[in-house]
Amino acid sequence: MILQYKGFNNNWSYEEAETITLATVEVTKAKIEANDSDEELCLIKDISEKIDQEIREATNCANITYVTKKPIYELGYVKVAMLSDKSKDCTYVFDMNTEVYLLNNSGKTVRKV
């Protein structure tokens, strides 16, 4: 199977794996307002760690790479793609507006995620 997605700078990216598991996960949505930059950074760190834990608990995934245009704490829902085979075990997290497709090994679209 092949995962096709719009990656950084709107470039198409392709990732192949024996198994690809897809999920939609609801994550904590927060509006960060702080009086100074240190406080803001601390709040962002805390909420980001909480969201990372929520994704791990919902999917049992590892090695997360975030491919989002907005900060993760502004999203509310994310698409999660877990890829695994003998040589890799990785997870991609996308915002709901990112174009993501599941292709068969011949490159034909099986499903739009």
N, C-alpha and C. Protein backbone atom coordinates (compact mmCIF):
# COMPACT_ATOMS: atom_id res chain seq x y z
N MET A 1 0.84 -1.17 0.00
CA MET A 1 0.00 0.00 0.00
C MET A 1 0.89 1.24 0.00
N ILE A 2 0.32 2.33 -0.52
CA ILE A 2 1.05 3.59 -0.60
C ILE A 2 0.18 4.70 -0.02
N LEU A 3 0.78 5.54 0.81
CA LEU A 3 0.11 6.71 1.35
C LEU A 3 0.60 7.91 0.55
N GLN A 4 -0.32 8.65 -0.04
CA GLN A 4 0.00 9.85 -0.81
C GLN A 4 -0.61 11.03 -0.07
N TYR A 5 0.19 12.07 0.15
CA TYR A 5 -0.34 13.24 0.86
C TYR A 5 0.39 14.51 0.44
N LYS A 6 -0.32 15.62 0.63
CA LYS A 6 0.28 16.93 0.38
C LYS A 6 1.13 17.25 1.59
N GLY A 7 2.43 17.27 1.39
CA GLY A 7 3.36 17.50 2.48
C GLY A 7 3.73 18.96 2.60
N PHE A 8 4.90 19.20 3.11
CA PHE A 8 5.37 20.56 3.33
C PHE A 8 5.49 21.31 2.01
N ASN A 9 5.13 22.57 2.02
CA ASN A 9 5.13 23.44 0.84
C ASN A 9 4.25 22.89 -0.28
N ASN A 10 3.18 22.17 0.07
CA ASN A 10 2.22 21.62 -0.90
C ASN A 10 2.83 20.66 -1.91
N ASN A 11 3.90 20.00 -1.56
CA ASN A 11 4.50 18.99 -2.43
C ASN A 11 3.88 17.64 -2.14
N TRP A 12 3.66 16.84 -3.19
CA TRP A 12 3.13 15.49 -2.99
C TRP A 12 4.21 14.62 -2.40
N SER A 13 3.84 13.87 -1.40
CA SER A 13 4.75 12.92 -0.76
C SER A 13 4.13 11.53 -0.83
N TYR A 14 4.99 10.51 -0.94
CA TYR A 14 4.54 9.12 -1.05
C TYR A 14 5.31 8.29 -0.03
N GLU A 15 4.60 7.43 0.66
CA GLU A 15 5.22 6.56 1.65
C GLU A 15 4.63 5.17 1.47
N GLU A 16 5.49 4.18 1.29
CA GLU A 16 5.02 2.81 1.07
C GLU A 16 5.22 1.98 2.34
N ALA A 17 4.27 1.09 2.59
CA ALA A 17 4.36 0.18 3.73
C ALA A 17 3.50 -1.04 3.46
N GLU A 18 3.82 -2.15 4.13
CA GLU A 18 3.01 -3.36 4.00
C GLU A 18 1.62 -3.15 4.57
N THR A 19 1.54 -2.43 5.69
CA THR A 19 0.26 -2.18 6.35
C THR A 19 0.11 -0.69 6.62
N ILE A 20 -1.05 -0.15 6.26
CA ILE A 20 -1.37 1.25 6.56
C ILE A 20 -2.72 1.25 7.26
N THR A 21 -2.74 1.82 8.45
CA THR A 21 -3.97 1.92 9.24
C THR A 21 -4.34 3.39 9.36
N LEU A 22 -5.61 3.70 9.11
CA LEU A 22 -6.08 5.08 9.13
C LEU A 22 -7.09 5.29 10.24
N ALA A 23 -7.06 6.48 10.84
CA ALA A 23 -8.01 6.79 11.90
C ALA A 23 -8.25 8.29 11.95
N THR A 24 -9.40 8.67 12.48
CA THR A 24 -9.69 10.06 12.80
C THR A 24 -9.75 10.14 14.32
N VAL A 25 -9.02 11.09 14.87
CA VAL A 25 -8.92 11.20 16.32
C VAL A 25 -9.33 12.61 16.76
N GLU A 26 -10.17 12.67 17.78
CA GLU A 26 -10.52 13.96 18.37
C GLU A 26 -9.45 14.30 19.40
N VAL A 27 -8.89 15.51 19.27
CA VAL A 27 -7.87 15.97 20.21
C VAL A 27 -8.34 17.25 20.89
N THR A 28 -7.72 17.54 22.00
CA THR A 28 -8.07 18.73 22.75
C THR A 28 -7.83 19.97 21.91
N LYS A 29 -8.82 20.84 21.88
CA LYS A 29 -8.71 22.09 21.15
C LYS A 29 -8.59 23.21 22.18
N ALA A 30 -7.62 24.09 22.00
CA ALA A 30 -7.39 25.13 22.99
C ALA A 30 -7.05 26.45 22.31
N LYS A 31 -7.41 27.51 22.98
CA LYS A 31 -7.02 28.85 22.55
C LYS A 31 -6.00 29.33 23.56
N ILE A 32 -4.79 29.56 23.10
CA ILE A 32 -3.70 29.92 23.99
C ILE A 32 -3.63 31.45 24.11
N GLU A 33 -3.84 31.93 25.31
CA GLU A 33 -3.71 33.36 25.59
C GLU A 33 -2.89 33.48 26.87
N ALA A 34 -1.79 34.20 26.78
CA ALA A 34 -0.92 34.35 27.94
C ALA A 34 -0.41 35.79 28.01
N ASN A 35 0.05 36.15 29.17
CA ASN A 35 0.53 37.52 29.38
C ASN A 35 1.96 37.72 28.91
N ASP A 36 2.76 36.66 28.91
CA ASP A 36 4.13 36.80 28.42
C ASP A 36 4.52 35.56 27.63
N SER A 37 5.63 35.67 26.92
CA SER A 37 6.04 34.59 26.01
C SER A 37 6.43 33.31 26.75
N ASP A 38 7.04 33.42 27.93
CA ASP A 38 7.40 32.22 28.69
C ASP A 38 6.16 31.44 29.12
N GLU A 39 5.15 32.16 29.57
CA GLU A 39 3.90 31.53 29.98
C GLU A 39 3.22 30.87 28.78
N GLU A 40 3.25 31.57 27.64
CA GLU A 40 2.64 31.04 26.41
C GLU A 40 3.35 29.76 25.97
N LEU A 41 4.67 29.77 25.99
CA LEU A 41 5.44 28.58 25.61
C LEU A 41 5.15 27.40 26.54
N CYS A 42 5.00 27.68 27.81
CA CYS A 42 4.69 26.63 28.78
C CYS A 42 3.31 26.03 28.50
N LEU A 43 2.32 26.88 28.21
CA LEU A 43 0.98 26.41 27.89
C LEU A 43 0.97 25.58 26.61
N ILE A 44 1.70 26.05 25.59
CA ILE A 44 1.77 25.32 24.32
C ILE A 44 2.43 23.96 24.53
N LYS A 45 3.50 23.92 25.30
CA LYS A 45 4.19 22.66 25.58
C LYS A 45 3.25 21.68 26.29
N ASP A 46 2.54 22.16 27.31
CA ASP A 46 1.63 21.29 28.07
C ASP A 46 0.52 20.74 27.20
N ILE A 47 -0.14 21.59 26.42
CA ILE A 47 -1.26 21.13 25.59
C ILE A 47 -0.76 20.22 24.48
N SER A 48 0.42 20.48 23.93
CA SER A 48 0.98 19.63 22.87
C SER A 48 1.29 18.24 23.40
N GLU A 49 1.84 18.17 24.61
CA GLU A 49 2.11 16.86 25.23
C GLU A 49 0.81 16.11 25.50
N LYS A 50 -0.22 16.82 25.93
CA LYS A 50 -1.51 16.19 26.18
C LYS A 50 -2.09 15.63 24.89
N ILE A 51 -2.02 16.40 23.80
CA ILE A 51 -2.53 15.95 22.51
C ILE A 51 -1.75 14.75 22.01
N ASP A 52 -0.44 14.79 22.15
CA ASP A 52 0.40 13.66 21.75
C ASP A 52 -0.03 12.39 22.49
N GLN A 53 -0.29 12.52 23.79
CA GLN A 53 -0.75 11.38 24.59
C GLN A 53 -2.12 10.90 24.14
N GLU A 54 -3.03 11.83 23.80
CA GLU A 54 -4.37 11.46 23.32
C GLU A 54 -4.28 10.65 22.04
N ILE A 55 -3.42 11.07 21.13
CA ILE A 55 -3.25 10.34 19.86
C ILE A 55 -2.67 8.96 20.12
N ARG A 56 -1.67 8.86 20.97
CA ARG A 56 -1.05 7.57 21.30
C ARG A 56 -2.06 6.61 21.96
N GLU A 57 -2.89 7.14 22.85
CA GLU A 57 -3.88 6.29 23.51
C GLU A 57 -4.98 5.84 22.55
N ALA A 58 -5.37 6.69 21.62
CA ALA A 58 -6.44 6.35 20.67
C ALA A 58 -5.97 5.37 19.60
N THR A 59 -4.69 5.38 19.27
CA THR A 59 -4.21 4.59 18.14
C THR A 59 -3.13 3.58 18.48
N ASN A 60 -2.52 3.69 19.65
CA ASN A 60 -1.41 2.82 20.03
C ASN A 60 -0.24 2.97 19.05
N CYS A 61 0.02 4.19 18.63
CA CYS A 61 1.05 4.44 17.61
C CYS A 61 2.37 4.87 18.24
N ALA A 62 3.38 4.97 17.38
CA ALA A 62 4.71 5.41 17.79
C ALA A 62 5.31 6.27 16.69
N ASN A 63 6.38 6.95 16.99
CA ASN A 63 7.14 7.74 16.01
C ASN A 63 6.25 8.70 15.23
N ILE A 64 5.64 9.64 15.91
CA ILE A 64 4.67 10.55 15.29
C ILE A 64 5.37 11.70 14.58
N THR A 65 4.93 11.95 13.34
CA THR A 65 5.34 13.12 12.57
C THR A 65 4.09 13.93 12.27
N TYR A 66 4.12 15.20 12.63
CA TYR A 66 2.96 16.07 12.41
C TYR A 66 3.12 16.81 11.09
N VAL A 67 2.09 16.71 10.24
CA VAL A 67 2.07 17.41 8.95
C VAL A 67 0.81 18.28 8.95
N THR A 68 0.89 19.42 9.62
CA THR A 68 -0.26 20.30 9.78
C THR A 68 0.13 21.73 9.44
N LYS A 69 -0.83 22.48 8.94
CA LYS A 69 -0.58 23.89 8.63
C LYS A 69 -0.80 24.77 9.85
N LYS A 70 -1.76 24.39 10.70
CA LYS A 70 -2.04 25.13 11.92
C LYS A 70 -1.40 24.40 13.09
N PRO A 71 -1.23 25.10 14.22
CA PRO A 71 -0.76 24.40 15.42
C PRO A 71 -1.75 23.30 15.80
N ILE A 72 -1.25 22.20 16.29
CA ILE A 72 -2.06 21.02 16.58
C ILE A 72 -3.18 21.33 17.58
N TYR A 73 -2.95 22.24 18.51
CA TYR A 73 -3.95 22.54 19.53
C TYR A 73 -5.11 23.38 19.00
N GLU A 74 -5.05 23.84 17.75
CA GLU A 74 -6.15 24.59 17.14
C GLU A 74 -7.07 23.71 16.30
N LEU A 75 -6.78 22.43 16.15
CA LEU A 75 -7.47 21.59 15.17
C LEU A 75 -8.75 20.91 15.67
N GLY A 76 -8.73 20.29 16.81
CA GLY A 76 -9.91 19.59 17.31
C GLY A 76 -10.00 18.14 16.83
N TYR A 77 -9.86 17.91 15.53
CA TYR A 77 -9.83 16.56 14.95
C TYR A 77 -8.63 16.46 14.02
N VAL A 78 -8.03 15.28 13.95
CA VAL A 78 -6.90 15.04 13.06
C VAL A 78 -7.05 13.70 12.37
N LYS A 79 -6.41 13.57 11.21
CA LYS A 79 -6.31 12.28 10.51
C LYS A 79 -4.99 11.65 10.94
N VAL A 80 -5.02 10.36 11.23
CA VAL A 80 -3.81 9.66 11.66
C VAL A 80 -3.59 8.48 10.72
N ALA A 81 -2.37 8.37 10.17
CA ALA A 81 -2.00 7.26 9.31
C ALA A 81 -0.80 6.55 9.94
N MET A 82 -0.99 5.26 10.25
CA MET A 82 0.07 4.47 10.86
C MET A 82 0.61 3.49 9.82
N LEU A 83 1.89 3.56 9.55
CA LEU A 83 2.52 2.71 8.55
C LEU A 83 3.46 1.75 9.25
N SER A 84 3.39 0.48 8.82
CA SER A 84 4.31 -0.48 9.42
C SER A 84 4.66 -1.58 8.43
N ASP A 85 5.88 -2.02 8.53
CA ASP A 85 6.38 -3.21 7.84
C ASP A 85 7.66 -3.63 8.55
N LYS A 86 8.41 -4.52 7.95
CA LYS A 86 9.59 -5.07 8.62
C LYS A 86 10.62 -4.01 8.99
N SER A 87 10.75 -2.97 8.17
CA SER A 87 11.81 -1.99 8.40
C SER A 87 11.33 -0.65 8.95
N LYS A 88 10.02 -0.48 9.16
CA LYS A 88 9.56 0.81 9.67
C LYS A 88 8.30 0.68 10.49
N ASP A 89 8.14 1.66 11.34
CA ASP A 89 6.93 1.78 12.16
C ASP A 89 6.79 3.27 12.45
N CYS A 90 5.98 3.96 11.65
CA CYS A 90 5.86 5.41 11.80
C CYS A 90 4.41 5.85 11.68
N THR A 91 4.15 7.05 12.16
CA THR A 91 2.80 7.59 12.18
C THR A 91 2.83 9.03 11.68
N TYR A 92 1.85 9.37 10.84
CA TYR A 92 1.69 10.73 10.35
C TYR A 92 0.37 11.27 10.86
N VAL A 93 0.39 12.51 11.33
CA VAL A 93 -0.82 13.18 11.78
C VAL A 93 -1.05 14.38 10.87
N PHE A 94 -2.27 14.44 10.30
CA PHE A 94 -2.63 15.50 9.35
C PHE A 94 -3.83 16.28 9.88
N ASP A 95 -3.93 17.55 9.47
CA ASP A 95 -5.17 18.25 9.78
C ASP A 95 -6.25 17.75 8.81
N MET A 96 -7.48 18.01 9.12
CA MET A 96 -8.59 17.43 8.36
C MET A 96 -8.67 17.97 6.93
N ASN A 97 -8.03 19.09 6.62
CA ASN A 97 -8.08 19.66 5.27
C ASN A 97 -6.95 19.20 4.37
N THR A 98 -6.01 18.45 4.89
CA THR A 98 -4.89 17.96 4.09
C THR A 98 -5.36 16.85 3.15
N GLU A 99 -4.93 16.93 1.89
CA GLU A 99 -5.28 15.89 0.92
C GLU A 99 -4.44 14.65 1.21
N VAL A 100 -5.12 13.55 1.50
CA VAL A 100 -4.46 12.28 1.80
C VAL A 100 -5.19 11.18 1.05
N TYR A 101 -4.41 10.31 0.36
CA TYR A 101 -4.99 9.22 -0.41
C TYR A 101 -4.28 7.92 -0.07
N LEU A 102 -5.03 6.84 -0.13
CA LEU A 102 -4.49 5.50 0.02
C LEU A 102 -4.47 4.88 -1.37
N LEU A 103 -3.29 4.44 -1.81
CA LEU A 103 -3.13 3.86 -3.15
C LEU A 103 -2.74 2.39 -3.03
N ASN A 104 -3.11 1.62 -4.06
CA ASN A 104 -2.63 0.24 -4.08
C ASN A 104 -1.19 0.23 -4.60
N ASN A 105 -0.57 -0.92 -4.66
CA ASN A 105 0.83 -1.00 -5.07
C ASN A 105 1.06 -0.63 -6.52
N SER A 106 -0.01 -0.57 -7.33
CA SER A 106 0.10 -0.13 -8.73
C SER A 106 -0.05 1.38 -8.86
N GLY A 107 -0.35 2.06 -7.76
CA GLY A 107 -0.49 3.51 -7.79
C GLY A 107 -1.90 4.01 -8.04
N LYS A 108 -2.87 3.11 -8.06
CA LYS A 108 -4.27 3.51 -8.27
C LYS A 108 -4.91 3.84 -6.93
N THR A 109 -5.73 4.91 -6.94
CA THR A 109 -6.37 5.35 -5.72
C THR A 109 -7.38 4.32 -5.22
N VAL A 110 -7.23 3.92 -3.98
CA VAL A 110 -8.16 3.02 -3.34
C VAL A 110 -9.20 3.82 -2.55
N ARG A 111 -8.71 4.89 -1.90
CA ARG A 111 -9.59 5.66 -1.03
C ARG A 111 -9.00 7.04 -0.76
N LYS A 112 -9.88 8.05 -0.73
CA LYS A 112 -9.49 9.37 -0.26
C LYS A 112 -9.77 9.39 1.23
N VAL A 113 -8.79 9.80 1.99
CA VAL A 113 -8.92 9.80 3.45
C VAL A 113 -9.42 11.14 3.91
